PDB file of N, CA and C in Angstrom:
ATOM      1  N   MET A   1      82.276  92.709  67.037  1.00  0.00           N
ATOM      2  CA  MET A   1      82.242  93.049  68.444  1.00  0.00           C
ATOM      3  C   MET A   1      83.688  93.017  69.088  1.00  0.00           C
ATOM      4  N   SER A   2      84.055  94.261  69.461  1.00  0.00           N
ATOM      5  CA  SER A   2      85.375  94.358  69.983  1.00  0.00           C
ATOM      6  C   SER A   2      85.512  93.870  71.298  1.00  0.00           C
ATOM      7  N   LEU A   3      86.644  93.036  71.707  1.00  0.00           N
ATOM      8  CA  LEU A   3      86.935  92.485  72.875  1.00  0.00           C
ATOM      9  C   LEU A   3      87.796  93.391  73.815  1.00  0.00           C
ATOM     10  N   VAL A   4      88.280  94.371  73.313  1.00  0.00           N
ATOM     11  CA  VAL A   4      89.154  95.408  73.999  1.00  0.00           C
ATOM     12  C   VAL A   4      88.411  96.547  74.295  1.00  0.00           C
ATOM     13  N   LYS A   5      88.535  97.004  75.562  1.00  0.00           N
ATOM     14  CA  LYS A   5      87.906  98.318  76.003  1.00  0.00           C
ATOM     15  C   LYS A   5      88.540  99.372  75.065  1.00  0.00           C
ATOM     16  N   THR A   6      87.604 100.180  74.590  1.00  0.00           N
ATOM     17  CA  THR A   6      88.125 101.302  73.850  1.00  0.00           C
ATOM     18  C   THR A   6      87.629 102.732  74.272  1.00  0.00           C
ATOM     19  N   TRP A   7      86.802 102.766  75.075  1.00  0.00           N
ATOM     20  CA  TRP A   7      86.274 103.971  75.811  1.00  0.00           C
ATOM     21  C   TRP A   7      86.514 104.062  77.110  1.00  0.00           C
ATOM     22  N   PHE A   8      87.068 105.236  77.503  1.00  0.00           N
ATOM     23  CA  PHE A   8      87.525 105.336  78.961  1.00  0.00           C
ATOM     24  C   PHE A   8      87.208 106.771  79.441  1.00  0.00           C
ATOM     25  N   ALA A   9      87.062 107.029  80.655  1.00  0.00           N
ATOM     26  CA  ALA A   9      86.771 108.406  81.188  1.00  0.00           C
ATOM     27  C   ALA A   9      88.018 109.289  80.974  1.00  0.00           C
ATOM     28  N   PRO A  10      87.781 110.577  80.707  1.00  0.00           N
ATOM     29  CA  PRO A  10      89.010 111.418  80.291  1.00  0.00           C
ATOM     30  C   PRO A  10      90.099 111.266  81.451  1.00  0.00           C
ATOM     31  N   GLU A  11      89.825 111.247  82.827  1.00  0.00           N
ATOM     32  CA  GLU A  11      90.822 111.037  83.768  1.00  0.00           C
ATOM     33  C   GLU A  11      91.625 109.809  83.750  1.00  0.00           C
ATOM     34  N   GLU A  12      91.134 108.727  83.122  1.00  0.00           N
ATOM     35  CA  GLU A  12      91.685 107.515  82.989  1.00  0.00           C
ATOM     36  C   GLU A  12      92.684 107.671  81.703  1.00  0.00           C
ATOM     37  N   ALA A  13      92.283 108.425  80.513  1.00  0.00           N
ATOM     38  CA  ALA A  13      93.039 108.507  79.445  1.00  0.00           C
ATOM     39  C   ALA A  13      94.319 109.356  79.769  1.00  0.00           C
ATOM     40  N   VAL A  14      93.968 110.427  80.569  1.00  0.00           N
ATOM     41  CA  VAL A  14      95.093 111.385  81.029  1.00  0.00           C
ATOM     42  C   VAL A  14      96.047 110.563  81.838  1.00  0.00           C
ATOM     43  N   GLY A  15      95.577 109.767  82.796  1.00  0.00           N
ATOM     44  CA  GLY A  15      96.632 108.853  83.561  1.00  0.00           C
ATOM     45  C   GLY A  15      97.453 107.865  82.666  1.00  0.00           C
ATOM     46  N   MET A  16      96.780 107.407  81.603  1.00  0.00           N
ATOM     47  CA  MET A  16      97.408 106.465  80.899  1.00  0.00           C
ATOM     48  C   MET A  16      98.364 106.988  79.929  1.00  0.00           C
ATOM     49  N   PHE A  17      98.229 108.432  79.464  1.00  0.00           N
ATOM     50  CA  PHE A  17      99.312 108.891  78.521  1.00  0.00           C
ATOM     51  C   PHE A  17      99.994 109.991  78.922  1.00  0.00           C
ATOM     52  N   GLY A  18      99.701 110.572  80.181  1.00  0.00           N
ATOM     53  CA  GLY A  18     100.311 111.659  80.699  1.00  0.00           C
ATOM     54  C   GLY A  18     100.258 112.861  80.109  1.00  0.00           C
ATOM     55  N   VAL A  19      99.100 112.972  79.301  1.00  0.00           N
ATOM     56  CA  VAL A  19      98.893 114.444  78.773  1.00  0.00           C
ATOM     57  C   VAL A  19      97.831 115.285  79.782  1.00  0.00           C
ATOM     58  N   SER A  20      97.718 116.475  79.606  1.00  0.00           N
ATOM     59  CA  SER A  20      96.896 117.270  80.434  1.00  0.00           C
ATOM     60  C   SER A  20      95.416 116.965  80.000  1.00  0.00           C
ATOM     61  N   LYS A  21      94.479 117.207  80.897  1.00  0.00           N
ATOM     62  CA  LYS A  21      93.155 116.960  80.617  1.00  0.00           C
ATOM     63  C   LYS A  21      92.697 118.113  79.568  1.00  0.00           C
ATOM     64  N   ALA A  22      93.409 119.431  79.850  1.00  0.00           N
ATOM     65  CA  ALA A  22      93.065 120.431  79.016  1.00  0.00           C
ATOM     66  C   ALA A  22      93.319 120.052  77.495  1.00  0.00           C
ATOM     67  N   LEU A  23      94.528 119.437  77.333  1.00  0.00           N
ATOM     68  CA  LEU A  23      94.968 119.190  75.807  1.00  0.00           C
ATOM     69  C   LEU A  23      93.885 117.953  75.344  1.00  0.00           C
ATOM     70  N   LEU A  24      93.616 117.191  76.237  1.00  0.00           N
ATOM     71  CA  LEU A  24      92.737 116.070  75.663  1.00  0.00           C
ATOM     72  C   LEU A  24      91.280 116.630  75.222  1.00  0.00           C
ATOM     73  N   LEU A  25      90.763 117.544  76.206  1.00  0.00           N
ATOM     74  CA  LEU A  25      89.480 118.207  75.756  1.00  0.00           C
ATOM     75  C   LEU A  25      89.642 119.145  74.608  1.00  0.00           C
ATOM     76  N   GLU A  26      90.901 119.559  74.332  1.00  0.00           N
ATOM     77  CA  GLU A  26      91.059 120.474  73.195  1.00  0.00           C
ATOM     78  C   GLU A  26      90.967 119.486  71.883  1.00  0.00           C
ATOM     79  N   TRP A  27      91.588 118.412  72.041  1.00  0.00           N
ATOM     80  CA  TRP A  27      91.411 117.446  71.011  1.00  0.00           C
ATOM     81  C   TRP A  27      89.957 116.968  70.631  1.00  0.00           C
ATOM     82  N   VAL A  28      89.197 116.772  71.629  1.00  0.00           N
ATOM     83  CA  VAL A  28      87.916 116.430  71.567  1.00  0.00           C
ATOM     84  C   VAL A  28      87.023 117.728  70.893  1.00  0.00           C
ATOM     85  N   ASP A  29      87.414 118.810  71.158  1.00  0.00           N
ATOM     86  CA  ASP A  29      86.722 120.059  70.638  1.00  0.00           C
ATOM     87  C   ASP A  29      86.970 120.108  69.328  1.00  0.00           C
ATOM     88  N   GLU A  30      88.375 119.756  68.944  1.00  0.00           N
ATOM     89  CA  GLU A  30      88.727 119.882  67.383  1.00  0.00           C
ATOM     90  C   GLU A  30      88.311 118.792  66.614  1.00  0.00           C
ATOM     91  N   GLY A  31      87.670 117.735  67.353  1.00  0.00           N
ATOM     92  CA  GLY A  31      87.098 116.546  66.541  1.00  0.00           C
ATOM     93  C   GLY A  31      88.030 115.428  66.173  1.00  0.00           C
ATOM     94  N   LEU A  32      89.319 115.698  66.961  1.00  0.00           N
ATOM     95  CA  LEU A  32      90.444 114.717  66.622  1.00  0.00           C
ATOM     96  C   LEU A  32      90.100 113.370  67.461  1.00  0.00           C
ATOM     97  N   VAL A  33      89.411 113.596  68.677  1.00  0.00           N
ATOM     98  CA  VAL A  33      89.297 112.475  69.450  1.00  0.00           C
ATOM     99  C   VAL A  33      87.703 112.302  69.646  1.00  0.00           C
ATOM    100  N   ARG A  34      87.220 111.153  69.390  1.00  0.00           N
ATOM    101  CA  ARG A  34      85.648 110.939  69.566  1.00  0.00           C
ATOM    102  C   ARG A  34      85.387 110.835  70.965  1.00  0.00           C
ATOM    103  N   SER A  35      84.154 111.253  71.277  1.00  0.00           N
ATOM    104  CA  SER A  35      83.834 111.291  72.756  1.00  0.00           C
ATOM    105  C   SER A  35      82.328 110.969  72.832  1.00  0.00           C
ATOM    106  N   GLU A  36      82.064 110.656  74.047  1.00  0.00           N
ATOM    107  CA  GLU A  36      80.565 110.636  74.524  1.00  0.00           C
ATOM    108  C   GLU A  36      80.266 111.682  75.584  1.00  0.00           C
ATOM    109  N   ARG A  37      79.270 112.342  75.534  1.00  0.00           N
ATOM    110  CA  ARG A  37      78.883 113.330  76.331  1.00  0.00           C
ATOM    111  C   ARG A  37      77.571 113.251  77.199  1.00  0.00           C
ATOM    112  N   LYS A  38      77.374 113.557  78.409  1.00  0.00           N
ATOM    113  CA  LYS A  38      76.229 113.616  79.010  1.00  0.00           C
ATOM    114  C   LYS A  38      76.118 114.791  79.864  1.00  0.00           C
ATOM    115  N   GLY A  39      74.945 115.551  79.530  1.00  0.00           N
ATOM    116  CA  GLY A  39      74.788 116.738  80.029  1.00  0.00           C
ATOM    117  C   GLY A  39      75.713 117.796  79.731  1.00  0.00           C
ATOM    118  N   GLY A  40      76.235 117.698  78.487  1.00  0.00           N
ATOM    119  CA  GLY A  40      77.169 118.768  78.071  1.00  0.00           C
ATOM    120  C   GLY A  40      78.698 118.320  78.423  1.00  0.00           C
ATOM    121  N   LYS A  41      78.941 117.371  79.324  1.00  0.00           N
ATOM    122  CA  LYS A  41      80.251 117.122  79.820  1.00  0.00           C
ATOM    123  C   LYS A  41      80.894 115.769  79.228  1.00  0.00           C
ATOM    124  N   VAL A  42      82.108 115.965  78.801  1.00  0.00           N
ATOM    125  CA  VAL A  42      82.781 114.695  78.189  1.00  0.00           C
ATOM    126  C   VAL A  42      82.887 113.652  79.275  1.00  0.00           C
ATOM    127  N   VAL A  43      82.219 112.524  79.088  1.00  0.00           N
ATOM    128  CA  VAL A  43      82.330 111.377  80.060  1.00  0.00           C
ATOM    129  C   VAL A  43      83.089 110.177  79.562  1.00  0.00           C
ATOM    130  N   ARG A  44      83.385 110.059  78.342  1.00  0.00           N
ATOM    131  CA  ARG A  44      84.182 108.938  77.811  1.00  0.00           C
ATOM    132  C   ARG A  44      84.866 109.437  76.510  1.00  0.00           C
ATOM    133  N   VAL A  45      86.087 109.104  76.364  1.00  0.00           N
ATOM    134  CA  VAL A  45      87.033 109.240  75.117  1.00  0.00           C
ATOM    135  C   VAL A  45      87.316 108.030  74.499  1.00  0.00           C
ATOM    136  N   ASN A  46      87.569 108.045  73.202  1.00  0.00           N
ATOM    137  CA  ASN A  46      88.075 106.890  72.460  1.00  0.00           C
ATOM    138  C   ASN A  46      89.463 106.782  72.585  1.00  0.00           C
ATOM    139  N   ILE A  47      90.031 105.763  73.204  1.00  0.00           N
ATOM    140  CA  ILE A  47      91.407 105.601  73.576  1.00  0.00           C
ATOM    141  C   ILE A  47      92.178 105.391  72.274  1.00  0.00           C
ATOM    142  N   ASP A  48      91.648 104.826  71.079  1.00  0.00           N
ATOM    143  CA  ASP A  48      92.422 104.659  69.951  1.00  0.00           C
ATOM    144  C   ASP A  48      92.611 106.006  69.373  1.00  0.00           C
ATOM    145  N   ASP A  49      91.727 106.943  69.499  1.00  0.00           N
ATOM    146  CA  ASP A  49      91.931 108.376  68.878  1.00  0.00           C
ATOM    147  C   ASP A  49      93.023 109.038  69.737  1.00  0.00           C
ATOM    148  N   VAL A  50      92.977 108.791  71.062  1.00  0.00           N
ATOM    149  CA  VAL A  50      93.855 109.383  71.978  1.00  0.00           C
ATOM    150  C   VAL A  50      95.311 109.065  71.607  1.00  0.00           C
ATOM    151  N   LYS A  51      95.422 107.495  71.287  1.00  0.00           N
ATOM    152  CA  LYS A  51      96.690 107.072  71.044  1.00  0.00           C
ATOM    153  C   LYS A  51      97.285 107.661  69.838  1.00  0.00           C
ATOM    154  N   LEU A  52      96.475 107.991  68.754  1.00  0.00           N
ATOM    155  CA  LEU A  52      96.849 108.410  67.515  1.00  0.00           C
ATOM    156  C   LEU A  52      97.399 109.955  67.757  1.00  0.00           C
ATOM    157  N   GLN A  53      96.686 110.671  68.574  1.00  0.00           N
ATOM    158  CA  GLN A  53      97.203 112.097  68.813  1.00  0.00           C
ATOM    159  C   GLN A  53      98.411 112.164  69.652  1.00  0.00           C
ATOM    160  N   VAL A  54      98.529 111.161  70.663  1.00  0.00           N
ATOM    161  CA  VAL A  54      99.858 111.158  71.400  1.00  0.00           C
ATOM    162  C   VAL A  54     100.889 110.918  70.373  1.00  0.00           C
ATOM    163  N   ASP A  55     100.746 109.799  69.539  1.00  0.00           N
ATOM    164  CA  ASP A  55     101.889 109.488  68.738  1.00  0.00           C
ATOM    165  C   ASP A  55     102.227 110.489  67.882  1.00  0.00           C
ATOM    166  N   ALA A  56     101.280 111.226  67.294  1.00  0.00           N
ATOM    167  CA  ALA A  56     101.499 112.489  66.354  1.00  0.00           C
ATOM    168  C   ALA A  56     102.279 113.599  67.067  1.00  0.00           C
ATOM    169  N   LEU A  57     101.942 113.740  68.328  1.00  0.00           N
ATOM    170  CA  LEU A  57     102.404 114.744  69.194  1.00  0.00           C
ATOM    171  C   LEU A  57     104.094 114.442  69.621  1.00  0.00           C
ATOM    172  N   VAL A  58     104.336 113.237  69.737  1.00  0.00           N
ATOM    173  CA  VAL A  58     105.595 112.701  70.037  1.00  0.00           C
ATOM    174  C   VAL A  58     106.475 112.708  68.830  1.00  0.00           C
ATOM    175  N   HIS A  59     105.946 112.436  67.693  1.00  0.00           N
ATOM    176  CA  HIS A  59     106.714 112.664  66.253  1.00  0.00           C
ATOM    177  C   HIS A  59     106.715 113.975  65.818  1.00  0.00           C
ATOM    178  N   ARG A  60     106.130 114.817  66.247  1.00  0.00           N
ATOM    179  CA  ARG A  60     106.247 116.329  65.829  1.00  0.00           C
ATOM    180  C   ARG A  60     107.622 117.007  66.685  1.00  0.00           C
ATOM    181  N   GLU A  61     107.878 116.409  67.729  1.00  0.00           N
ATOM    182  CA  GLU A  61     109.000 117.129  68.450  1.00  0.00           C
ATOM    183  C   GLU A  61     110.300 116.452  68.120  1.00  0.00           C
TER     184      GLU A  61
END
């Protein structure tokens, strides 16, 4: 059992990392970031996956 919160609302993740919501949702659509959906809308994203994508984005530049 994890003691660290790993699932956040997309808006929270955007605020934590400074990426656009559009880019975050693109990562979700590409299967790079796991998500939970409710009624077809992304309600939570896995923050560990977001961190990996942000790190990859920073190291590409």
